[in-house]
Amino acid sequence: MTGKIILSGILFLTFSLKLSAQQKSIEGTITSKEDGSPISGIIVMVKGSHQGLVTADDGHFDLIVSEGDTIELSSRYFVSRDVVVGSDFRYTIDLDEKNSEKRTGYLNIRSEILKNTGEEISFGSSKKYKNRPVKMRE
């Protein structure tokens, strides 16, 4: 009889541990705290693992995690943030901007190239503009 009770206890404990470590699918959107717009290019990682992704143009992400896992959010232009996964399946996470001057500077240079040359600059086209003069605004 005592053996059955011990065996039942071990089975119950094993089953409980499996339930607590059960993984689930979560999804969410990363937005700017300043204006609520979705942010693309945010690195979303599950802390202590190699699982992660980069948010899409609409700021969306989806991950397989366990309740209690920590999600690390990082970006060049936004303040990093950790979020602990709770019982929710859907998350909306807002981030503060780090330094808008660097970001604005890039956009200003891009606008000047477009204004002065009539051509749009895009990733991978740096050779095209390598030796071209660019007028800076005063």
C-alpha atoms as a PDB file:
ATOM      1  CA  MET A   1       0.000   0.000   0.000  1.00  0.00           C
ATOM      2  CA  THR A   2       2.808   2.419   0.897  1.00  0.00           C
ATOM      3  CA  GLY A   3       4.478   1.663  -2.430  1.00  0.00           C
ATOM      4  CA  LYS A   4       1.315   2.645  -4.316  1.00  0.00           C
ATOM      5  CA  ILE A   5       1.123   5.964  -2.451  1.00  0.00           C
ATOM      6  CA  ILE A   6       4.780   6.755  -3.194  1.00  0.00           C
ATOM      7  CA  LEU A   7       4.347   5.769  -6.859  1.00  0.00           C
ATOM      8  CA  SER A   8       1.212   7.935  -7.110  1.00  0.00           C
ATOM      9  CA  GLY A   9       3.099  10.862  -5.546  1.00  0.00           C
ATOM     10  CA  ILE A  10       5.988  10.506  -8.000  1.00  0.00           C
ATOM     11  CA  LEU A  11       3.609  10.336 -10.975  1.00  0.00           C
ATOM     12  CA  PHE A  12       1.705  13.409  -9.724  1.00  0.00           C
ATOM     13  CA  LEU A  13       4.937  15.365  -9.243  1.00  0.00           C
ATOM     14  CA  THR A  14       6.217  14.381 -12.703  1.00  0.00           C
ATOM     15  CA  PHE A  15       2.914  15.362 -14.329  1.00  0.00           C
ATOM     16  CA  SER A  16       2.896  18.721 -12.458  1.00  0.00           C
ATOM     17  CA  LEU A  17       6.435  19.552 -13.584  1.00  0.00           C
ATOM     18  CA  LYS A  18       5.529  18.788 -17.209  1.00  0.00           C
ATOM     19  CA  LEU A  19       2.540  21.115 -17.030  1.00  0.00           C
ATOM     20  CA  SER A  20       4.553  23.981 -15.555  1.00  0.00           C
ATOM     21  CA  ALA A  21       7.247  23.669 -18.244  1.00  0.00           C
ATOM     22  CA  GLN A  22       4.732  23.390 -21.070  1.00  0.00           C
ATOM     23  CA  GLN A  23       5.476  25.644 -23.993  1.00  0.00           C
ATOM     24  CA  LYS A  24       2.963  27.874 -25.703  1.00  0.00           C
ATOM     25  CA  SER A  25       2.813  30.128 -28.712  1.00  0.00           C
ATOM     26  CA  ILE A  26       2.659  33.862 -28.047  1.00  0.00           C
ATOM     27  CA  GLU A  27       2.456  36.787 -30.425  1.00  0.00           C
ATOM     28  CA  GLY A  28       2.713  40.502 -30.079  1.00  0.00           C
ATOM     29  CA  THR A  29       3.415  43.899 -31.506  1.00  0.00           C
ATOM     30  CA  ILE A  30       6.271  46.246 -30.616  1.00  0.00           C
ATOM     31  CA  THR A  31       5.260  49.914 -30.728  1.00  0.00           C
ATOM     32  CA  SER A  32       6.863  53.294 -30.129  1.00  0.00           C
ATOM     33  CA  LYS A  33       5.981  54.738 -26.732  1.00  0.00           C
ATOM     34  CA  GLU A  34       6.141  58.196 -28.302  1.00  0.00           C
ATOM     35  CA  ASP A  35       3.430  57.824 -30.942  1.00  0.00           C
ATOM     36  CA  GLY A  36       2.164  54.216 -30.764  1.00  0.00           C
ATOM     37  CA  SER A  37       3.357  53.325 -34.262  1.00  0.00           C
ATOM     38  CA  PRO A  38       4.622  49.760 -34.883  1.00  0.00           C
ATOM     39  CA  ILE A  39       8.414  49.326 -34.919  1.00  0.00           C
ATOM     40  CA  SER A  40      10.219  47.050 -37.357  1.00  0.00           C
ATOM     41  CA  GLY A  41      13.740  45.721 -36.872  1.00  0.00           C
ATOM     42  CA  ILE A  42      13.524  45.069 -33.123  1.00  0.00           C
ATOM     43  CA  ILE A  43      15.515  42.006 -32.028  1.00  0.00           C
ATOM     44  CA  VAL A  44      13.304  39.758 -29.881  1.00  0.00           C
ATOM     45  CA  MET A  45      15.191  36.984 -28.032  1.00  0.00           C
ATOM     46  CA  VAL A  46      14.182  34.428 -25.413  1.00  0.00           C
ATOM     47  CA  LYS A  47      16.707  34.995 -22.619  1.00  0.00           C
ATOM     48  CA  GLY A  48      19.028  32.047 -22.039  1.00  0.00           C
ATOM     49  CA  SER A  49      18.312  30.474 -25.424  1.00  0.00           C
ATOM     50  CA  HIS A  50      19.225  30.863 -29.066  1.00  0.00           C
ATOM     51  CA  GLN A  51      15.602  31.437 -30.041  1.00  0.00           C
ATOM     52  CA  GLY A  52      14.789  34.835 -31.468  1.00  0.00           C
ATOM     53  CA  LEU A  53      13.668  36.912 -34.411  1.00  0.00           C
ATOM     54  CA  VAL A  54      13.478  40.425 -35.807  1.00  0.00           C
ATOM     55  CA  THR A  55      10.115  42.184 -35.925  1.00  0.00           C
ATOM     56  CA  ALA A  56       8.423  42.656 -39.285  1.00  0.00           C
ATOM     57  CA  ASP A  57       7.364  45.997 -40.811  1.00  0.00           C
ATOM     58  CA  ASP A  58       4.180  45.921 -38.743  1.00  0.00           C
ATOM     59  CA  GLY A  59       6.141  45.349 -35.488  1.00  0.00           C
ATOM     60  CA  HIS A  60       4.740  41.815 -35.191  1.00  0.00           C
ATOM     61  CA  PHE A  61       6.494  38.856 -33.578  1.00  0.00           C
ATOM     62  CA  ASP A  62       5.554  35.304 -32.588  1.00  0.00           C
ATOM     63  CA  LEU A  63       7.508  32.888 -30.422  1.00  0.00           C
ATOM     64  CA  ILE A  64       7.215  29.525 -28.693  1.00  0.00           C
ATOM     65  CA  VAL A  65       7.966  30.087 -24.986  1.00  0.00           C
ATOM     66  CA  SER A  66       7.204  28.807 -21.513  1.00  0.00           C
ATOM     67  CA  GLU A  67       5.412  30.821 -18.886  1.00  0.00           C
ATOM     68  CA  GLY A  68       8.084  32.586 -16.804  1.00  0.00           C
ATOM     69  CA  ASP A  69      10.549  32.940 -19.704  1.00  0.00           C
ATOM     70  CA  THR A  70      12.032  36.401 -20.231  1.00  0.00           C
ATOM     71  CA  ILE A  71      11.889  38.049 -23.642  1.00  0.00           C
ATOM     72  CA  GLU A  72      14.699  40.526 -24.368  1.00  0.00           C
ATOM     73  CA  LEU A  73      13.919  43.379 -26.774  1.00  0.00           C
ATOM     74  CA  SER A  74      16.791  45.380 -28.233  1.00  0.00           C
ATOM     75  CA  SER A  75      17.464  47.861 -31.001  1.00  0.00           C
ATOM     76  CA  ARG A  76      19.961  50.469 -32.044  1.00  0.00           C
ATOM     77  CA  TYR A  77      17.399  53.271 -31.783  1.00  0.00           C
ATOM     78  CA  PHE A  78      15.215  52.140 -28.851  1.00  0.00           C
ATOM     79  CA  VAL A  79      15.884  51.472 -25.169  1.00  0.00           C
ATOM     80  CA  SER A  80      16.257  47.729 -24.470  1.00  0.00           C
ATOM     81  CA  ARG A  81      13.584  46.083 -22.367  1.00  0.00           C
ATOM     82  CA  ASP A  82      12.927  42.686 -20.748  1.00  0.00           C
ATOM     83  CA  VAL A  83       9.403  41.257 -20.520  1.00  0.00           C
ATOM     84  CA  VAL A  84       8.485  38.202 -18.432  1.00  0.00           C
ATOM     85  CA  VAL A  85       6.007  35.872 -20.151  1.00  0.00           C
ATOM     86  CA  GLY A  86       2.847  35.449 -18.124  1.00  0.00           C
ATOM     87  CA  SER A  87      -0.398  33.639 -18.851  1.00  0.00           C
ATOM     88  CA  ASP A  88      -1.285  35.930 -21.783  1.00  0.00           C
ATOM     89  CA  PHE A  89      -0.939  34.805 -25.388  1.00  0.00           C
ATOM     90  CA  ARG A  90      -0.976  38.317 -26.943  1.00  0.00           C
ATOM     91  CA  TYR A  91       1.388  41.170 -26.001  1.00  0.00           C
ATOM     92  CA  THR A  92       1.653  44.827 -27.007  1.00  0.00           C
ATOM     93  CA  ILE A  93       5.001  46.204 -25.840  1.00  0.00           C
ATOM     94  CA  ASP A  94       6.024  49.839 -26.144  1.00  0.00           C
ATOM     95  CA  LEU A  95       9.633  51.039 -26.311  1.00  0.00           C
ATOM     96  CA  ASP A  96      11.206  54.443 -25.623  1.00  0.00           C
ATOM     97  CA  GLU A  97      13.458  55.992 -28.265  1.00  0.00           C
ATOM     98  CA  LYS A  98      17.161  56.221 -27.332  1.00  0.00           C
ATOM     99  CA  ASN A  99      18.396  59.161 -29.306  1.00  0.00           C
ATOM    100  CA  SER A 100      16.280  60.560 -32.107  1.00  0.00           C
ATOM    101  CA  GLU A 101      19.162  62.724 -33.433  1.00  0.00           C
ATOM    102  CA  LYS A 102      21.031  59.785 -35.008  1.00  0.00           C
ATOM    103  CA  ARG A 103      17.868  58.513 -36.634  1.00  0.00           C
ATOM    104  CA  THR A 104      16.877  61.961 -37.879  1.00  0.00           C
ATOM    105  CA  GLY A 105      20.407  62.537 -39.207  1.00  0.00           C
ATOM    106  CA  TYR A 106      20.145  59.431 -41.376  1.00  0.00           C
ATOM    107  CA  LEU A 107      16.752  60.504 -42.673  1.00  0.00           C
ATOM    108  CA  ASN A 108      18.022  64.019 -43.416  1.00  0.00           C
ATOM    109  CA  ILE A 109      20.984  62.680 -45.429  1.00  0.00           C
ATOM    110  CA  ARG A 110      18.658  60.315 -47.289  1.00  0.00           C
ATOM    111  CA  SER A 111      16.288  63.217 -48.053  1.00  0.00           C
ATOM    112  CA  GLU A 112      19.170  65.365 -49.332  1.00  0.00           C
ATOM    113  CA  ILE A 113      20.327  62.626 -51.701  1.00  0.00           C
ATOM    114  CA  LEU A 114      16.797  62.265 -53.037  1.00  0.00           C
ATOM    115  CA  LYS A 115      16.371  66.034 -53.391  1.00  0.00           C
ATOM    116  CA  ASN A 116      19.750  66.618 -55.074  1.00  0.00           C
ATOM    117  CA  THR A 117      19.839  63.609 -57.368  1.00  0.00           C
ATOM    118  CA  GLY A 118      16.189  62.743 -57.828  1.00  0.00           C
ATOM    119  CA  GLU A 119      17.087  59.126 -57.008  1.00  0.00           C
ATOM    120  CA  GLU A 120      16.011  57.107 -54.011  1.00  0.00           C
ATOM    121  CA  ILE A 121      18.772  55.501 -51.941  1.00  0.00           C
ATOM    122  CA  SER A 122      18.230  51.986 -50.680  1.00  0.00           C
ATOM    123  CA  PHE A 123      20.196  49.292 -48.897  1.00  0.00           C
ATOM    124  CA  GLY A 124      22.881  47.784 -51.093  1.00  0.00           C
ATOM    125  CA  SER A 125      23.285  50.862 -53.296  1.00  0.00           C
ATOM    126  CA  SER A 126      26.182  52.511 -51.451  1.00  0.00           C
ATOM    127  CA  LYS A 127      28.562  51.967 -54.412  1.00  0.00           C
ATOM    128  CA  LYS A 128      26.258  54.024 -56.579  1.00  0.00           C
ATOM    129  CA  TYR A 129      26.646  57.061 -54.281  1.00  0.00           C
ATOM    130  CA  LYS A 130      30.215  56.454 -53.074  1.00  0.00           C
ATOM    131  CA  ASN A 131      31.871  59.391 -54.851  1.00  0.00           C
ATOM    132  CA  ARG A 132      28.857  61.661 -55.270  1.00  0.00           C
ATOM    133  CA  PRO A 133      28.863  65.021 -53.471  1.00  0.00           C
ATOM    134  CA  VAL A 134      25.972  65.571 -51.114  1.00  0.00           C
ATOM    135  CA  LYS A 135      24.833  69.061 -50.146  1.00  0.00           C
ATOM    136  CA  MET A 136      24.096  69.346 -46.451  1.00  0.00           C
ATOM    137  CA  ARG A 137      21.448  71.674 -45.078  1.00  0.00           C
ATOM    138  CA  GLU A 138      22.715  74.560 -43.046  1.00  0.00           C
END
